[in-house]
C-alpha cells in the first residue's frame, strides 16, 4: 500500500578492543573518551594501595573485547 519494501537486511557490527596500559611511572589514574559516530566510548583506570579499578562506557549495539591487562 505505501510502496516500500526491504531490499536488503544489513546488520552493522561494531567491535571495540579494550587494552589499557595500567601503571607506568608515577601515574595512578587515567581517563579518556571519544565521541564516535555511534556514541561515546570512554575508559578510565585507577590504582590505589589495595585495588585496580577499570571503568568502560561503550555505545549501544556494540561489542567490547577485553584484553588481559598483563598482555
PDB file of N, CA and C in Angstrom:
ATOM      1  N   UNK A   1       0.807  -1.200   0.000  1.00  0.00           N
ATOM      2  CA  UNK A   1       0.000   0.000   0.000  1.00  0.00           C
ATOM      3  C   UNK A   1       0.852   1.267   0.000  1.00  0.00           C
ATOM      4  N   UNK A   2       1.937   1.287   0.797  1.00  0.00           N
ATOM      5  CA  UNK A   2       2.723   2.518   0.856  1.00  0.00           C
ATOM      6  C   UNK A   2       3.909   2.487  -0.094  1.00  0.00           C
ATOM      7  N   UNK A   3       4.134   1.406  -0.773  1.00  0.00           N
ATOM      8  CA  UNK A   3       5.181   1.353  -1.789  1.00  0.00           C
ATOM      9  C   UNK A   3       6.590   1.165  -1.269  1.00  0.00           C
ATOM     10  N   UNK A   4       6.753   0.542  -0.118  1.00  0.00           N
ATOM     11  CA  UNK A   4       8.093   0.298   0.417  1.00  0.00           C
ATOM     12  C   UNK A   4       8.289  -1.184   0.631  1.00  0.00           C
ATOM     13  N   UNK A   5       9.546  -1.614   0.463  1.00  0.00           N
ATOM     14  CA  UNK A   5       9.902  -2.979   0.820  1.00  0.00           C
ATOM     15  C   UNK A   5      11.365  -3.024   1.210  1.00  0.00           C
ATOM     16  N   UNK A   6      11.686  -3.958   2.014  1.00  0.00           N
ATOM     17  CA  UNK A   6      13.061  -4.134   2.479  1.00  0.00           C
ATOM     18  C   UNK A   6      13.855  -4.836   1.392  1.00  0.00           C
ATOM     19  N   UNK A   7      14.866  -4.145   0.858  1.00  0.00           N
ATOM     20  CA  UNK A   7      15.675  -4.726  -0.204  1.00  0.00           C
ATOM     21  C   UNK A   7      16.781  -5.617   0.338  1.00  0.00           C
ATOM     22  N   UNK A   8      17.400  -5.191   1.420  1.00  0.00           N
ATOM     23  CA  UNK A   8      18.497  -5.965   1.993  1.00  0.00           C
ATOM     24  C   UNK A   8      18.547  -5.690   3.477  1.00  0.00           C
ATOM     25  N   UNK A   9      18.626  -6.742   4.251  1.00  0.00           N
ATOM     26  CA  UNK A   9      18.769  -6.585   5.685  1.00  0.00           C
ATOM     27  C   UNK A   9      20.249  -6.494   6.002  1.00  0.00           C
ATOM     28  N   UNK A  10      20.656  -5.419   6.595  1.00  0.00           N
ATOM     29  CA  UNK A  10      22.074  -5.182   6.880  1.00  0.00           C
ATOM     30  C   UNK A  10      22.256  -5.016   8.382  1.00  0.00           C
ATOM     31  N   UNK A  11      23.156  -5.774   8.948  1.00  0.00           N
ATOM     32  CA  UNK A  11      23.471  -5.673  10.367  1.00  0.00           C
ATOM     33  C   UNK A  11      24.890  -5.131  10.491  1.00  0.00           C
ATOM     34  N   UNK A  12      25.015  -4.027  11.161  1.00  0.00           N
ATOM     35  CA  UNK A  12      26.315  -3.400  11.360  1.00  0.00           C
ATOM     36  C   UNK A  12      26.906  -3.915  12.665  1.00  0.00           C
ATOM     37  N   UNK A  13      28.139  -4.394  12.613  1.00  0.00           N
ATOM     38  CA  UNK A  13      28.816  -4.895  13.801  1.00  0.00           C
ATOM     39  C   UNK A  13      29.966  -3.965  14.147  1.00  0.00           C
ATOM     40  N   UNK A  14      29.918  -3.414  15.338  1.00  0.00           N
ATOM     41  CA  UNK A  14      30.969  -2.525  15.819  1.00  0.00           C
ATOM     42  C   UNK A  14      31.666  -3.227  16.978  1.00  0.00           C
ATOM     43  N   UNK A  15      32.965  -3.388  16.856  1.00  0.00           N
ATOM     44  CA  UNK A  15      33.763  -4.028  17.907  1.00  0.00           C
ATOM     45  C   UNK A  15      34.817  -3.053  18.408  1.00  0.00           C
ATOM     46  N   UNK A  16      34.949  -2.987  19.712  1.00  0.00           N
ATOM     47  CA  UNK A  16      35.915  -2.091  20.353  1.00  0.00           C
ATOM     48  C   UNK A  16      36.850  -2.945  21.197  1.00  0.00           C
ATOM     49  N   UNK A  17      38.148  -2.766  21.020  1.00  0.00           N
ATOM     50  CA  UNK A  17      39.128  -3.514  21.811  1.00  0.00           C
ATOM     51  C   UNK A  17      39.538  -2.678  23.014  1.00  0.00           C
ATOM     52  N   UNK A  18      39.464  -3.283  24.198  1.00  0.00           N
ATOM     53  CA  UNK A  18      39.914  -2.639  25.427  1.00  0.00           C
ATOM     54  C   UNK A  18      41.253  -3.234  25.807  1.00  0.00           C
ATOM     55  N   UNK A  19      42.268  -2.409  25.825  1.00  0.00           N
ATOM     56  CA  UNK A  19      43.601  -2.890  26.165  1.00  0.00           C
ATOM     57  C   UNK A  19      44.354  -1.791  26.908  1.00  0.00           C
ATOM     58  N   UNK A  20      43.935  -1.525  28.146  1.00  0.00           N
ATOM     59  CA  UNK A  20      44.595  -0.449  28.892  1.00  0.00           C
ATOM     60  C   UNK A  20      46.021  -0.811  29.284  1.00  0.00           C
ATOM     61  N   UNK A  21      46.852   0.196  29.347  1.00  0.00           N
ATOM     62  CA  UNK A  21      48.223   0.012  29.830  1.00  0.00           C
ATOM     63  C   UNK A  21      48.289   0.671  31.201  1.00  0.00           C
ATOM     64  N   UNK A  22      48.017  -0.131  32.193  1.00  0.00           N
ATOM     65  CA  UNK A  22      47.884   0.386  33.553  1.00  0.00           C
ATOM     66  C   UNK A  22      49.255   0.505  34.203  1.00  0.00           C
ATOM     67  N   UNK A  23      49.430   1.612  34.912  1.00  0.00           N
ATOM     68  CA  UNK A  23      50.677   1.862  35.620  1.00  0.00           C
ATOM     69  C   UNK A  23      51.637   2.667  34.771  1.00  0.00           C
ATOM     70  N   UNK A  24      52.866   2.491  35.017  1.00  0.00           N
ATOM     71  CA  UNK A  24      53.871   3.220  34.262  1.00  0.00           C
ATOM     72  C   UNK A  24      54.271   4.496  34.971  1.00  0.00           C
ATOM     73  N   UNK A  25      55.432   4.505  35.490  1.00  0.00           N
ATOM     74  CA  UNK A  25      55.910   5.708  36.162  1.00  0.00           C
ATOM     75  C   UNK A  25      55.101   6.020  37.406  1.00  0.00           C
ATOM     76  N   UNK A  26      54.728   7.271  37.534  1.00  0.00           N
ATOM     77  CA  UNK A  26      54.016   7.715  38.726  1.00  0.00           C
ATOM     78  C   UNK A  26      52.526   7.886  38.494  1.00  0.00           C
ATOM     79  N   UNK A  27      52.012   7.418  37.364  1.00  0.00           N
ATOM     80  CA  UNK A  27      50.581   7.546  37.089  1.00  0.00           C
ATOM     81  C   UNK A  27      49.772   6.677  38.027  1.00  0.00           C
ATOM     82  N   UNK A  28      48.716   7.249  38.602  1.00  0.00           N
ATOM     83  CA  UNK A  28      47.813   6.482  39.449  1.00  0.00           C
ATOM     84  C   UNK A  28      46.403   6.428  38.858  1.00  0.00           C
ATOM     85  N   UNK A  29      46.109   7.275  37.880  1.00  0.00           N
ATOM     86  CA  UNK A  29      44.816   7.229  37.212  1.00  0.00           C
ATOM     87  C   UNK A  29      44.890   7.884  35.834  1.00  0.00           C
ATOM     88  N   UNK A  30      44.038   7.399  34.937  1.00  0.00           N
ATOM     89  CA  UNK A  30      43.947   7.930  33.578  1.00  0.00           C
ATOM     90  C   UNK A  30      42.497   7.828  33.138  1.00  0.00           C
ATOM     91  N   UNK A  31      42.018   8.823  32.389  1.00  0.00           N
ATOM     92  CA  UNK A  31      40.683   8.731  31.793  1.00  0.00           C
ATOM     93  C   UNK A  31      40.709   9.404  30.425  1.00  0.00           C
ATOM     94  N   UNK A  32      39.927   8.851  29.506  1.00  0.00           N
ATOM     95  CA  UNK A  32      39.841   9.400  28.156  1.00  0.00           C
ATOM     96  C   UNK A  32      38.502   9.010  27.547  1.00  0.00           C
ATOM     97  N   UNK A  33      38.037   9.823  26.590  1.00  0.00           N
ATOM     98  CA  UNK A  33      36.802   9.494  25.892  1.00  0.00           C
ATOM     99  C   UNK A  33      36.891   9.953  24.449  1.00  0.00           C
ATOM    100  N   UNK A  34      36.046   9.352  23.643  1.00  0.00           N
ATOM    101  CA  UNK A  34      35.983   9.672  22.218  1.00  0.00           C
ATOM    102  C   UNK A  34      34.516   9.632  21.808  1.00  0.00           C
ATOM    103  N   UNK A  35      34.075  10.641  21.064  1.00  0.00           N
ATOM    104  CA  UNK A  35      32.707  10.671  20.567  1.00  0.00           C
ATOM    105  C   UNK A  35      32.715  10.162  19.128  1.00  0.00           C
ATOM    106  N   UNK A  36      32.357   8.885  18.959  1.00  0.00           N
ATOM    107  CA  UNK A  36      32.313   8.287  17.631  1.00  0.00           C
ATOM    108  C   UNK A  36      30.948   8.562  17.004  1.00  0.00           C
ATOM    109  N   UNK A  37      30.794   8.185  15.750  1.00  0.00           N
ATOM    110  CA  UNK A  37      29.507   8.391  15.092  1.00  0.00           C
ATOM    111  C   UNK A  37      28.431   7.458  15.657  1.00  0.00           C
ATOM    112  N   UNK A  38      28.808   6.486  16.483  1.00  0.00           N
ATOM    113  CA  UNK A  38      27.867   5.549  17.083  1.00  0.00           C
ATOM    114  C   UNK A  38      27.563   5.885  18.540  1.00  0.00           C
ATOM    115  N   UNK A  39      28.330   6.773  19.128  1.00  0.00           N
ATOM    116  CA  UNK A  39      28.138   7.151  20.522  1.00  0.00           C
ATOM    117  C   UNK A  39      29.465   7.307  21.233  1.00  0.00           C
ATOM    118  N   UNK A  40      29.370   7.594  22.510  1.00  0.00           N
ATOM    119  CA  UNK A  40      30.557   7.854  23.320  1.00  0.00           C
ATOM    120  C   UNK A  40      31.269   6.552  23.696  1.00  0.00           C
ATOM    121  N   UNK A  41      32.598   6.584  23.572  1.00  0.00           N
ATOM    122  CA  UNK A  41      33.460   5.492  24.014  1.00  0.00           C
ATOM    123  C   UNK A  41      34.395   6.094  25.057  1.00  0.00           C
ATOM    124  N   UNK A  42      34.376   5.548  26.258  1.00  0.00           N
ATOM    125  CA  UNK A  42      35.263   6.088  27.290  1.00  0.00           C
ATOM    126  C   UNK A  42      35.808   4.963  28.159  1.00  0.00           C
ATOM    127  N   UNK A  43      36.974   5.212  28.710  1.00  0.00           N
ATOM    128  CA  UNK A  43      37.549   4.271  29.661  1.00  0.00           C
ATOM    129  C   UNK A  43      38.425   5.030  30.646  1.00  0.00           C
ATOM    130  N   UNK A  44      38.532   4.478  31.828  1.00  0.00           N
ATOM    131  CA  UNK A  44      39.390   5.069  32.848  1.00  0.00           C
ATOM    132  C   UNK A  44      39.874   3.952  33.768  1.00  0.00           C
ATOM    133  N   UNK A  45      41.027   4.170  34.350  1.00  0.00           N
ATOM    134  CA  UNK A  45      41.529   3.234  35.348  1.00  0.00           C
ATOM    135  C   UNK A  45      42.149   4.014  36.486  1.00  0.00           C
ATOM    136  N   UNK A  46      42.190   3.375  37.650  1.00  0.00           N
ATOM    137  CA  UNK A  46      42.774   3.992  38.834  1.00  0.00           C
ATOM    138  C   UNK A  46      43.435   2.912  39.681  1.00  0.00           C
ATOM    139  N   UNK A  47      44.613   3.233  40.194  1.00  0.00           N
ATOM    140  CA  UNK A  47      45.347   2.331  41.080  1.00  0.00           C
ATOM    141  C   UNK A  47      45.355   2.934  42.476  1.00  0.00           C
ATOM    142  N   UNK A  48      44.945   2.131  43.456  1.00  0.00           N
ATOM    143  CA  UNK A  48      45.085   2.527  44.854  1.00  0.00           C
ATOM    144  C   UNK A  48      46.019   1.520  45.520  1.00  0.00           C
ATOM    145  N   UNK A  49      46.217   1.668  46.801  1.00  0.00           N
ATOM    146  CA  UNK A  49      47.101   0.730  47.511  1.00  0.00           C
ATOM    147  C   UNK A  49      46.530  -0.675  47.539  1.00  0.00           C
ATOM    148  N   UNK A  50      45.201  -0.806  47.417  1.00  0.00           N
ATOM    149  CA  UNK A  50      44.585  -2.130  47.573  1.00  0.00           C
ATOM    150  C   UNK A  50      43.907  -2.675  46.321  1.00  0.00           C
ATOM    151  N   UNK A  51      43.698  -1.850  45.292  1.00  0.00           N
ATOM    152  CA  UNK A  51      42.982  -2.360  44.120  1.00  0.00           C
ATOM    153  C   UNK A  51      43.274  -1.570  42.846  1.00  0.00           C
ATOM    154  N   UNK A  52      42.910  -2.169  41.745  1.00  0.00           N
ATOM    155  CA  UNK A  52      42.923  -1.514  40.438  1.00  0.00           C
ATOM    156  C   UNK A  52      41.493  -1.525  39.936  1.00  0.00           C
ATOM    157  N   UNK A  53      40.970  -0.365  39.547  1.00  0.00           N
ATOM    158  CA  UNK A  53      39.607  -0.320  39.019  1.00  0.00           C
ATOM    159  C   UNK A  53      39.640   0.167  37.571  1.00  0.00           C
ATOM    160  N   UNK A  54      38.777  -0.420  36.761  1.00  0.00           N
ATOM    161  CA  UNK A  54      38.651  -0.083  35.351  1.00  0.00           C
ATOM    162  C   UNK A  54      37.189   0.185  35.058  1.00  0.00           C
ATOM    163  N   UNK A  55      36.877   1.326  34.454  1.00  0.00           N
ATOM    164  CA  UNK A  55      35.506   1.687  34.086  1.00  0.00           C
ATOM    165  C   UNK A  55      35.463   1.946  32.588  1.00  0.00           C
ATOM    166  N   UNK A  56      34.442   1.399  31.937  1.00  0.00           N
ATOM    167  CA  UNK A  56      34.327   1.497  30.481  1.00  0.00           C
ATOM    168  C   UNK A  56      32.894   1.857  30.116  1.00  0.00           C
ATOM    169  N   UNK A  57      32.742   2.698  29.101  1.00  0.00           N
ATOM    170  CA  UNK A  57      31.427   3.038  28.539  1.00  0.00           C
ATOM    171  C   UNK A  57      31.517   2.872  27.025  1.00  0.00           C
ATOM    172  N   UNK A  58      30.595   2.102  26.454  1.00  0.00           N
ATOM    173  CA  UNK A  58      30.567   1.908  25.003  1.00  0.00           C
ATOM    174  C   UNK A  58      29.148   2.178  24.500  1.00  0.00           C
ATOM    175  N   UNK A  59      28.998   2.512  23.218  1.00  0.00           N
ATOM    176  CA  UNK A  59      27.668   2.777  22.666  1.00  0.00           C
ATOM    177  C   UNK A  59      26.800   1.512  22.653  1.00  0.00           C
ATOM    178  N   UNK A  60      25.493   1.725  22.584  1.00  0.00           N
ATOM    179  CA  UNK A  60      24.563   0.615  22.432  1.00  0.00           C
ATOM    180  C   UNK A  60      24.843  -0.147  21.155  1.00  0.00           C
ATOM    181  N   UNK A  61      24.542  -1.428  21.156  1.00  0.00           N
ATOM    182  CA  UNK A  61      24.701  -2.297  19.984  1.00  0.00           C
ATOM    183  C   UNK A  61      26.147  -2.424  19.520  1.00  0.00           C
ATOM    184  N   UNK A  62      27.083  -2.319  20.448  1.00  0.00           N
ATOM    185  CA  UNK A  62      28.492  -2.546  20.139  1.00  0.00           C
ATOM    186  C   UNK A  62      29.010  -3.662  21.036  1.00  0.00           C
ATOM    187  N   UNK A  63      30.140  -4.200  20.693  1.00  0.00           N
ATOM    188  CA  UNK A  63      30.770  -5.250  21.475  1.00  0.00           C
ATOM    189  C   UNK A  63      32.143  -4.776  21.899  1.00  0.00           C
ATOM    190  N   UNK A  64      32.473  -4.984  23.157  1.00  0.00           N
ATOM    191  CA  UNK A  64      33.803  -4.641  23.656  1.00  0.00           C
ATOM    192  C   UNK A  64      34.588  -5.931  23.871  1.00  0.00           C
ATOM    193  N   UNK A  65      35.800  -5.952  23.391  1.00  0.00           N
ATOM    194  CA  UNK A  65      36.695  -7.089  23.557  1.00  0.00           C
ATOM    195  C   UNK A  65      37.682  -6.736  24.658  1.00  0.00           C
ATOM    196  N   UNK A  66      37.650  -7.497  25.723  1.00  0.00           N
ATOM    197  CA  UNK A  66      38.520  -7.231  26.872  1.00  0.00           C
ATOM    198  C   UNK A  66      39.830  -7.974  26.701  1.00  0.00           C
ATOM    199  N   UNK A  67      40.923  -7.246  26.713  1.00  0.00           N
ATOM    200  CA  UNK A  67      42.249  -7.853  26.655  1.00  0.00           C
ATOM    201  C   UNK A  67      42.819  -7.851  28.054  1.00  0.00           C
ATOM    202  N   UNK A  68      43.445  -8.951  28.432  1.00  0.00           N
ATOM    203  CA  UNK A  68      44.063  -9.048  29.734  1.00  0.00           C
ATOM    204  C   UNK A  68      45.066  -7.912  29.895  1.00  0.00           C
ATOM    205  N   UNK A  69      45.013  -7.201  31.009  1.00  0.00           N
ATOM    206  CA  UNK A  69      45.889  -6.043  31.191  1.00  0.00           C
ATOM    207  C   UNK A  69      47.353  -6.417  31.311  1.00  0.00           C
ATOM    208  N   UNK A  70      47.640  -7.689  31.496  1.00  0.00           N
ATOM    209  CA  UNK A  70      49.036  -8.122  31.603  1.00  0.00           C
ATOM    210  C   UNK A  70      49.642  -8.478  30.251  1.00  0.00           C
ATOM    211  N   UNK A  71      48.853  -8.509  29.176  1.00  0.00           N
ATOM    212  CA  UNK A  71      49.379  -8.869  27.843  1.00  0.00           C
ATOM    213  C   UNK A  71      49.842  -7.647  27.105  1.00  0.00           C
TER     214      UNK A  71
END
